Amino acid sequence: MDTYSLLREIADSWVLLAMFIFFLGTIVWAFRPGSRPVHDETSQIPFRNEDRPGDAARDTKNEELQS
């Protein structure tokens, strides 16, 4: 048996099985019960400083209008 055929057999069976197990492990890790608070906190990152920049810009514009 030449090297190419041996490597192809391994890739077709064992590597495919290893990749599938890795995929299932990743899905289980992402949806584990204890990860909910982490995902909730991460999902709020874009909105953390939402009020501050808009308020500062609005205050500057109001001061210019009043002057």
Protein backbone atom coordinates (compact mmCIF):
# COMPACT_ATOMS: atom_id res chain seq x y z
CA MET A 1 0.00 0.00 0.00
CA ASP A 2 1.44 3.36 -0.96
CA THR A 3 1.52 6.37 1.34
CA TYR A 4 -1.25 8.28 -0.40
CA SER A 5 -3.75 5.43 -0.06
CA LEU A 6 -2.87 4.93 3.59
CA LEU A 7 -3.27 8.62 4.41
CA ARG A 8 -6.53 8.79 2.45
CA GLU A 9 -7.95 5.84 4.39
CA ILE A 10 -6.99 7.47 7.69
CA ALA A 11 -8.47 10.81 6.63
CA ASP A 12 -11.68 9.20 5.40
CA SER A 13 -12.34 7.38 8.64
CA TRP A 14 -10.45 8.44 11.77
CA VAL A 15 -9.89 12.11 11.03
CA LEU A 16 -13.53 12.48 10.01
CA LEU A 17 -14.57 10.85 13.28
CA ALA A 18 -12.21 13.10 15.27
CA MET A 19 -13.56 16.23 13.57
CA PHE A 20 -17.14 15.16 14.25
CA ILE A 21 -16.38 14.54 17.93
CA PHE A 22 -14.66 17.95 18.14
CA PHE A 23 -17.72 19.57 16.54
CA LEU A 24 -20.10 17.89 19.01
CA GLY A 25 -17.83 18.88 21.91
CA THR A 26 -17.85 22.50 20.76
CA ILE A 27 -21.65 22.54 20.54
CA VAL A 28 -22.02 20.97 23.99
CA TRP A 29 -19.50 23.46 25.45
CA ALA A 30 -21.28 26.46 23.92
CA PHE A 31 -24.73 25.40 25.14
CA ARG A 32 -23.74 24.13 28.59
CA PRO A 33 -26.03 25.34 31.38
CA GLY A 34 -23.40 27.45 33.17
CA SER A 35 -22.51 29.54 30.12
CA ARG A 36 -25.72 31.58 30.00
CA PRO A 37 -24.42 34.52 32.11
CA VAL A 38 -21.23 34.70 30.02
CA HIS A 39 -23.22 34.81 26.77
CA ASP A 40 -25.62 37.43 28.16
CA GLU A 41 -22.74 39.67 29.25
CA THR A 42 -20.95 39.25 25.93
CA SER A 43 -24.09 40.10 23.97
CA GLN A 44 -24.35 43.47 25.77
CA ILE A 45 -20.82 44.68 24.88
CA PRO A 46 -21.95 46.95 21.99
CA PHE A 47 -24.47 48.70 24.25
CA ARG A 48 -22.32 49.30 27.35
CA ASN A 49 -21.53 52.96 26.67
CA GLU A 50 -24.57 53.77 24.60
CA ASP A 51 -25.81 56.72 26.71
CA ARG A 52 -22.54 58.55 27.34
CA PRO A 53 -21.36 59.51 23.83
CA GLY A 54 -24.82 60.60 22.67
CA ASP A 55 -25.41 62.68 25.79
CA ALA A 56 -22.08 64.48 25.39
CA ALA A 57 -22.75 65.30 21.74
CA ARG A 58 -26.27 66.48 22.58
CA ASP A 59 -24.97 68.71 25.41
CA THR A 60 -22.39 70.32 23.11
CA LYS A 61 -25.02 70.99 20.44
CA ASN A 62 -27.41 72.50 23.01
CA GLU A 63 -24.67 74.81 24.33
CA GLU A 64 -23.92 76.02 20.79
CA LEU A 65 -27.60 76.72 20.15
CA GLN A 66 -27.99 78.67 23.40
CA SER A 67 -24.92 80.86 22.77
